[in-house]
C-alpha atoms as a PDB file:
ATOM      1  CA  MET A   1     -34.040  19.235 -40.305  1.00  0.00           C
ATOM      2  CA  THR A   2     -30.883  19.084 -38.256  1.00  0.00           C
ATOM      3  CA  HIS A   3     -31.494  19.328 -34.518  1.00  0.00           C
ATOM      4  CA  HIS A   4     -29.040  21.518 -32.703  1.00  0.00           C
ATOM      5  CA  PRO A   5     -28.636  20.884 -28.961  1.00  0.00           C
ATOM      6  CA  ALA A   6     -29.438  23.765 -26.634  1.00  0.00           C
ATOM      7  CA  PRO A   7     -26.374  25.671 -25.424  1.00  0.00           C
ATOM      8  CA  ASP A   8     -25.017  24.852 -22.019  1.00  0.00           C
ATOM      9  CA  PRO A   9     -26.344  27.117 -19.258  1.00  0.00           C
ATOM     10  CA  ALA A  10     -24.070  29.805 -17.878  1.00  0.00           C
ATOM     11  CA  PRO A  11     -21.888  28.483 -15.047  1.00  0.00           C
ATOM     12  CA  ASP A  12     -22.973  29.121 -11.489  1.00  0.00           C
ATOM     13  CA  PRO A  13     -20.780  31.899 -10.025  1.00  0.00           C
ATOM     14  CA  ASP A  14     -20.404  29.774  -6.901  1.00  0.00           C
ATOM     15  CA  PRO A  15     -18.371  26.727  -7.932  1.00  0.00           C
ATOM     16  CA  ALA A  16     -19.566  24.590  -4.999  1.00  0.00           C
ATOM     17  CA  PRO A  17     -21.166  21.320  -6.147  1.00  0.00           C
ATOM     18  CA  ALA A  18     -24.973  21.292  -6.127  1.00  0.00           C
ATOM     19  CA  ALA A  19     -25.041  18.715  -3.338  1.00  0.00           C
ATOM     20  CA  THR A  20     -23.120  20.987  -0.990  1.00  0.00           C
ATOM     21  CA  ARG A  21     -24.645  24.367  -1.835  1.00  0.00           C
ATOM     22  CA  SER A  22     -27.630  23.944   0.474  1.00  0.00           C
ATOM     23  CA  LYS A  23     -25.628  22.466   3.326  1.00  0.00           C
ATOM     24  CA  ILE A  24     -22.572  23.991   4.967  1.00  0.00           C
ATOM     25  CA  SER A  25     -20.521  21.737   7.226  1.00  0.00           C
ATOM     26  CA  SER A  26     -20.347  22.714  10.885  1.00  0.00           C
ATOM     27  CA  GLU A  27     -16.590  23.159  10.587  1.00  0.00           C
ATOM     28  CA  ARG A  28     -16.978  25.490   7.609  1.00  0.00           C
ATOM     29  CA  GLU A  29     -19.752  27.393   9.373  1.00  0.00           C
ATOM     30  CA  ARG A  30     -17.490  27.947  12.399  1.00  0.00           C
ATOM     31  CA  GLU A  31     -14.828  29.270  10.036  1.00  0.00           C
ATOM     32  CA  PHE A  32     -17.310  31.756   8.568  1.00  0.00           C
ATOM     33  CA  PHE A  33     -18.453  32.843  12.031  1.00  0.00           C
ATOM     34  CA  ALA A  34     -14.917  33.306  13.328  1.00  0.00           C
ATOM     35  CA  ALA A  35     -14.016  35.331  10.245  1.00  0.00           C
ATOM     36  CA  VAL A  36     -16.971  37.695  10.409  1.00  0.00           C
ATOM     37  CA  LEU A  37     -16.568  38.382  14.147  1.00  0.00           C
ATOM     38  CA  ASP A  38     -12.854  39.010  13.694  1.00  0.00           C
ATOM     39  CA  GLU A  39     -13.663  41.417  10.862  1.00  0.00           C
ATOM     40  CA  VAL A  40     -16.135  43.231  13.121  1.00  0.00           C
ATOM     41  CA  ARG A  41     -13.583  43.530  15.942  1.00  0.00           C
ATOM     42  CA  THR A  42     -10.875  44.757  13.579  1.00  0.00           C
ATOM     43  CA  HIS A  43     -12.758  47.100  11.264  1.00  0.00           C
ATOM     44  CA  GLY A  44     -16.123  47.830  12.906  1.00  0.00           C
ATOM     45  CA  TYR A  45     -19.532  46.548  11.909  1.00  0.00           C
ATOM     46  CA  GLU A  46     -20.229  49.186   9.272  1.00  0.00           C
ATOM     47  CA  ALA A  47     -17.021  48.386   7.362  1.00  0.00           C
ATOM     48  CA  VAL A  48     -17.633  44.635   7.199  1.00  0.00           C
ATOM     49  CA  THR A  49     -19.048  43.249   3.951  1.00  0.00           C
ATOM     50  CA  MET A  50     -20.226  39.818   2.902  1.00  0.00           C
ATOM     51  CA  GLU A  51     -17.831  40.088  -0.030  1.00  0.00           C
ATOM     52  CA  GLY A  52     -14.905  40.712   2.304  1.00  0.00           C
ATOM     53  CA  VAL A  53     -15.720  37.716   4.486  1.00  0.00           C
ATOM     54  CA  ALA A  54     -16.165  35.575   1.384  1.00  0.00           C
ATOM     55  CA  ALA A  55     -12.733  36.605   0.094  1.00  0.00           C
ATOM     56  CA  ARG A  56     -11.139  35.952   3.476  1.00  0.00           C
ATOM     57  CA  THR A  57     -12.660  32.473   3.738  1.00  0.00           C
ATOM     58  CA  ARG A  58     -12.216  31.700   0.033  1.00  0.00           C
ATOM     59  CA  CYS A  59     -15.818  30.958  -0.736  1.00  0.00           C
ATOM     60  CA  GLY A  60     -18.314  32.366  -3.204  1.00  0.00           C
ATOM     61  CA  LYS A  61     -20.189  35.315  -1.737  1.00  0.00           C
ATOM     62  CA  SER A  62     -23.415  33.738  -2.973  1.00  0.00           C
ATOM     63  CA  THR A  63     -22.820  30.944  -0.440  1.00  0.00           C
ATOM     64  CA  LEU A  64     -23.053  33.458   2.400  1.00  0.00           C
ATOM     65  CA  TYR A  65     -26.014  35.296   0.890  1.00  0.00           C
ATOM     66  CA  ARG A  66     -27.964  32.069   0.353  1.00  0.00           C
ATOM     67  CA  ARG A  67     -27.362  30.944   3.927  1.00  0.00           C
ATOM     68  CA  TRP A  68     -27.806  34.219   5.857  1.00  0.00           C
ATOM     69  CA  ARG A  69     -29.314  36.720   3.374  1.00  0.00           C
ATOM     70  CA  THR A  70     -28.001  39.860   5.110  1.00  0.00           C
ATOM     71  CA  LYS A  71     -24.939  40.959   7.044  1.00  0.00           C
ATOM     72  CA  ALA A  72     -27.025  41.589  10.149  1.00  0.00           C
ATOM     73  CA  ARG A  73     -28.376  38.030  10.140  1.00  0.00           C
ATOM     74  CA  PHE A  74     -24.895  36.663   9.489  1.00  0.00           C
ATOM     75  CA  VAL A  75     -23.349  38.510  12.438  1.00  0.00           C
ATOM     76  CA  ALA A  76     -26.308  37.643  14.670  1.00  0.00           C
ATOM     77  CA  ALA A  77     -25.909  33.950  13.814  1.00  0.00           C
ATOM     78  CA  ALA A  78     -22.180  34.143  14.546  1.00  0.00           C
ATOM     79  CA  LEU A  79     -22.881  35.674  17.959  1.00  0.00           C
ATOM     80  CA  ARG A  80     -25.376  32.952  18.803  1.00  0.00           C
ATOM     81  CA  ALA A  81     -23.170  30.056  17.708  1.00  0.00           C
ATOM     82  CA  ASP A  82     -21.443  27.938  20.338  1.00  0.00           C
ATOM     83  CA  ARG A  83     -21.597  30.630  22.997  1.00  0.00           C
ATOM     84  CA  GLN A  84     -21.149  29.335  26.539  1.00  0.00           C
ATOM     85  CA  PRO A  85     -21.371  31.490  29.684  1.00  0.00           C
ATOM     86  CA  ARG A  86     -17.836  32.126  30.913  1.00  0.00           C
ATOM     87  CA  CYS A  87     -19.037  32.311  34.531  1.00  0.00           C
ATOM     88  CA  ALA A  88     -21.003  29.056  34.411  1.00  0.00           C
ATOM     89  CA  GLY A  89     -19.827  26.306  36.734  1.00  0.00           C
ATOM     90  CA  ILE A  90     -18.125  28.593  39.256  1.00  0.00           C
ATOM     91  CA  ASP A  91     -18.807  27.233  42.756  1.00  0.00           C
ATOM     92  CA  THR A  92     -16.069  27.478  45.378  1.00  0.00           C
ATOM     93  CA  GLY A  93     -18.439  27.009  48.307  1.00  0.00           C
ATOM     94  CA  SER A  94     -18.364  30.670  49.322  1.00  0.00           C
ATOM     95  CA  LEU A  95     -19.846  33.750  47.692  1.00  0.00           C
ATOM     96  CA  ALA A  96     -16.685  35.795  48.149  1.00  0.00           C
ATOM     97  CA  GLY A  97     -14.612  33.064  46.512  1.00  0.00           C
ATOM     98  CA  ASP A  98     -17.090  32.740  43.666  1.00  0.00           C
ATOM     99  CA  LEU A  99     -17.081  36.483  42.990  1.00  0.00           C
ATOM    100  CA  ARG A 100     -13.291  36.543  42.888  1.00  0.00           C
ATOM    101  CA  LEU A 101     -13.372  33.792  40.248  1.00  0.00           C
ATOM    102  CA  VAL A 102     -16.098  35.653  38.344  1.00  0.00           C
ATOM    103  CA  ALA A 103     -13.788  38.674  38.287  1.00  0.00           C
ATOM    104  CA  ALA A 104     -10.916  36.578  36.943  1.00  0.00           C
ATOM    105  CA  ALA A 105     -13.135  34.982  34.295  1.00  0.00           C
ATOM    106  CA  ALA A 106     -14.664  38.290  33.208  1.00  0.00           C
ATOM    107  CA  GLY A 107     -11.221  39.862  32.969  1.00  0.00           C
ATOM    108  CA  ALA A 108      -9.892  36.979  30.904  1.00  0.00           C
ATOM    109  CA  TRP A 109     -12.493  37.437  28.150  1.00  0.00           C
ATOM    110  CA  SER A 110     -13.032  41.181  28.301  1.00  0.00           C
ATOM    111  CA  ASP A 111     -10.279  41.777  25.731  1.00  0.00           C
ATOM    112  CA  GLN A 112     -12.372  39.758  23.247  1.00  0.00           C
ATOM    113  CA  ASP A 113     -15.918  40.774  24.120  1.00  0.00           C
ATOM    114  CA  THR A 114     -15.394  44.456  24.865  1.00  0.00           C
ATOM    115  CA  PRO A 115     -13.840  45.284  21.453  1.00  0.00           C
ATOM    116  CA  LEU A 116     -16.598  43.300  19.774  1.00  0.00           C
ATOM    117  CA  LEU A 117     -19.373  45.207  21.554  1.00  0.00           C
ATOM    118  CA  GLN A 118     -17.648  48.519  20.904  1.00  0.00           C
ATOM    119  CA  ALA A 119     -17.259  47.645  17.225  1.00  0.00           C
ATOM    120  CA  LEU A 120     -20.950  46.776  16.957  1.00  0.00           C
ATOM    121  CA  GLY A 121     -21.663  50.154  18.504  1.00  0.00           C
ATOM    122  CA  TYR A 122     -24.456  52.091  16.845  1.00  0.00           C
ATOM    123  CA  ALA A 123     -25.648  49.069  14.870  1.00  0.00           C
ATOM    124  CA  VAL A 124     -26.704  47.293  18.075  1.00  0.00           C
ATOM    125  CA  MET A 125     -28.958  50.220  18.949  1.00  0.00           C
ATOM    126  CA  THR A 126     -30.595  50.406  15.526  1.00  0.00           C
ATOM    127  CA  ASP A 127     -30.788  46.771  14.365  1.00  0.00           C
ATOM    128  CA  SER A 128     -33.144  44.547  16.348  1.00  0.00           C
ATOM    129  CA  ASP A 129     -31.540  41.306  15.103  1.00  0.00           C
ATOM    130  CA  LEU A 130     -28.143  42.367  16.394  1.00  0.00           C
ATOM    131  CA  ARG A 131     -29.518  43.814  19.616  1.00  0.00           C
ATOM    132  CA  ASP A 132     -31.382  40.596  20.403  1.00  0.00           C
ATOM    133  CA  ALA A 133     -28.340  38.490  19.514  1.00  0.00           C
ATOM    134  CA  VAL A 134     -26.062  40.511  21.796  1.00  0.00           C
ATOM    135  CA  ARG A 135     -28.508  40.290  24.661  1.00  0.00           C
ATOM    136  CA  GLU A 136     -29.133  36.581  24.169  1.00  0.00           C
ATOM    137  CA  THR A 137     -25.514  35.507  23.694  1.00  0.00           C
ATOM    138  CA  VAL A 138     -23.206  38.010  25.358  1.00  0.00           C
ATOM    139  CA  VAL A 139     -25.285  39.539  28.151  1.00  0.00           C
ATOM    140  CA  ALA A 140     -28.100  37.271  29.336  1.00  0.00           C
ATOM    141  CA  PRO A 141     -26.094  34.029  29.842  1.00  0.00           C
ATOM    142  CA  GLU A 142     -23.423  35.795  31.894  1.00  0.00           C
ATOM    143  CA  VAL A 143     -25.998  37.630  34.008  1.00  0.00           C
ATOM    144  CA  ALA A 144     -27.907  34.381  34.593  1.00  0.00           C
ATOM    145  CA  ALA A 145     -24.713  32.575  35.647  1.00  0.00           C
ATOM    146  CA  LEU A 146     -23.789  35.387  38.039  1.00  0.00           C
ATOM    147  CA  GLU A 147     -27.300  35.494  39.474  1.00  0.00           C
ATOM    148  CA  ALA A 148     -27.012  31.758  40.184  1.00  0.00           C
ATOM    149  CA  VAL A 149     -23.786  32.451  42.093  1.00  0.00           C
ATOM    150  CA  LEU A 150     -25.538  35.144  44.141  1.00  0.00           C
ATOM    151  CA  ARG A 151     -28.549  32.931  44.768  1.00  0.00           C
ATOM    152  CA  ARG A 152     -26.369  30.185  46.218  1.00  0.00           C
ATOM    153  CA  GLY A 153     -24.735  32.738  48.500  1.00  0.00           C
ATOM    154  CA  VAL A 154     -28.164  33.755  49.789  1.00  0.00           C
ATOM    155  CA  GLU A 155     -29.180  30.124  50.264  1.00  0.00           C
ATOM    156  CA  ARG A 156     -26.020  29.514  52.325  1.00  0.00           C
ATOM    157  CA  GLY A 157     -26.911  32.488  54.502  1.00  0.00           C
ATOM    158  CA  GLU A 158     -23.883  34.555  53.523  1.00  0.00           C
ATOM    159  CA  VAL A 159     -26.043  37.458  52.361  1.00  0.00           C
ATOM    160  CA  PRO A 160     -29.546  38.222  53.688  1.00  0.00           C
ATOM    161  CA  VAL A 161     -32.520  37.621  51.424  1.00  0.00           C
ATOM    162  CA  GLY A 162     -33.472  40.918  49.826  1.00  0.00           C
ATOM    163  CA  HIS A 163     -30.109  42.580  50.418  1.00  0.00           C
ATOM    164  CA  PRO A 164     -30.414  45.858  48.442  1.00  0.00           C
ATOM    165  CA  ALA A 165     -27.035  45.465  46.714  1.00  0.00           C
ATOM    166  CA  LEU A 166     -27.786  42.059  45.175  1.00  0.00           C
ATOM    167  CA  GLU A 167     -29.685  43.338  42.132  1.00  0.00           C
ATOM    168  CA  PHE A 168     -26.850  45.710  41.220  1.00  0.00           C
ATOM    169  CA  VAL A 169     -23.983  43.200  41.265  1.00  0.00           C
ATOM    170  CA  PRO A 170     -24.283  42.151  37.574  1.00  0.00           C
ATOM    171  CA  SER A 171     -24.266  45.796  36.486  1.00  0.00           C
ATOM    172  CA  MET A 172     -21.343  46.519  38.792  1.00  0.00           C
ATOM    173  CA  ILE A 173     -19.174  43.711  37.445  1.00  0.00           C
ATOM    174  CA  PHE A 174     -20.140  43.630  33.766  1.00  0.00           C
ATOM    175  CA  GLY A 175     -20.699  47.351  33.486  1.00  0.00           C
ATOM    176  CA  VAL A 176     -17.168  48.183  34.555  1.00  0.00           C
ATOM    177  CA  THR A 177     -15.746  45.892  31.858  1.00  0.00           C
ATOM    178  CA  ARG A 178     -17.498  48.055  29.257  1.00  0.00           C
ATOM    179  CA  ILE A 179     -16.780  51.472  30.729  1.00  0.00           C
ATOM    180  CA  ARG A 180     -13.150  51.199  31.832  1.00  0.00           C
ATOM    181  CA  PRO A 181     -11.762  51.243  28.254  1.00  0.00           C
ATOM    182  CA  LEU A 182     -13.643  54.496  27.660  1.00  0.00           C
ATOM    183  CA  ILE A 183     -12.477  56.106  30.880  1.00  0.00           C
ATOM    184  CA  SER A 184      -8.840  55.023  31.005  1.00  0.00           C
ATOM    185  CA  GLY A 185      -8.124  53.524  27.586  1.00  0.00           C
ATOM    186  CA  ARG A 186      -7.241  50.212  29.212  1.00  0.00           C
ATOM    187  CA  PRO A 187      -9.236  46.981  29.444  1.00  0.00           C
ATOM    188  CA  ALA A 188     -10.796  45.756  32.660  1.00  0.00           C
ATOM    189  CA  ASP A 189      -8.417  42.820  32.945  1.00  0.00           C
ATOM    190  CA  ALA A 190      -8.452  40.111  35.616  1.00  0.00           C
ATOM    191  CA  GLU A 191      -6.145  42.028  37.970  1.00  0.00           C
ATOM    192  CA  TYR A 192      -8.266  45.187  37.770  1.00  0.00           C
ATOM    193  CA  LEU A 193     -11.576  43.349  38.173  1.00  0.00           C
ATOM    194  CA  THR A 194     -10.262  41.361  41.139  1.00  0.00           C
ATOM    195  CA  ARG A 195      -9.321  44.602  42.899  1.00  0.00           C
ATOM    196  CA  TYR A 196     -12.685  46.048  41.959  1.00  0.00           C
ATOM    197  CA  VAL A 197     -14.548  43.094  43.472  1.00  0.00           C
ATOM    198  CA  GLU A 198     -12.428  43.237  46.631  1.00  0.00           C
ATOM    199  CA  SER A 199     -12.827  47.003  47.057  1.00  0.00           C
ATOM    200  CA  VAL A 200     -16.384  47.586  45.846  1.00  0.00           C
ATOM    201  CA  VAL A 201     -18.531  44.496  45.339  1.00  0.00           C
ATOM    202  CA  LEU A 202     -17.674  42.495  48.455  1.00  0.00           C
ATOM    203  CA  PRO A 203     -18.036  45.482  50.837  1.00  0.00           C
ATOM    204  CA  ALA A 204     -21.382  46.341  49.218  1.00  0.00           C
ATOM    205  CA  LEU A 205     -22.589  42.850  50.104  1.00  0.00           C
ATOM    206  CA  GLY A 206     -21.082  42.924  53.588  1.00  0.00           C
ATOM    207  CA  LEU A 207     -18.467  40.317  52.669  1.00  0.00           C
ATOM    208  CA  SER A 208     -14.711  40.216  52.978  1.00  0.00           C
END
């Protein structure tokens, strides 16, 4: 009896070699993350698809599905990746000087972060993965860095311990970056936030 070899299996739709399918290089991962966040900013979370990101980055969509499973997990991972507080390391030796630099830093990145948060919109309120990622990566690190700035000001005696305005400063500074685009259609840029700190935040703390 003649033995006929079994037919070759159907090709994997993802052409990546087997050795690389389970491991994505850090450089390639950063490319995926940058692409998906740019897609969110440009088109909104609901319009973004794994297929679209795969086409943009020229990879098989199965690569993204195997690594992150769902769009929500993919976007959450992108938000968590390589995020550093923009206000970290600010220390001029005075609280007023620090807050002016915080304003400049917040204004410099508001044109990136504000559109991203607006694009996530309703999804942040309904998806716990995204909500936690936004809090952990966009909100909490910046608030913690600003609270450290305020704490040093208290320790230097520039503001009394327990000053009633202290707890509201993060909401004052970061809140206005989110709300100004809705009120005036313009971003809270560095110039605007510096004036805001000079006119509102410093007087509230008894500083000049």
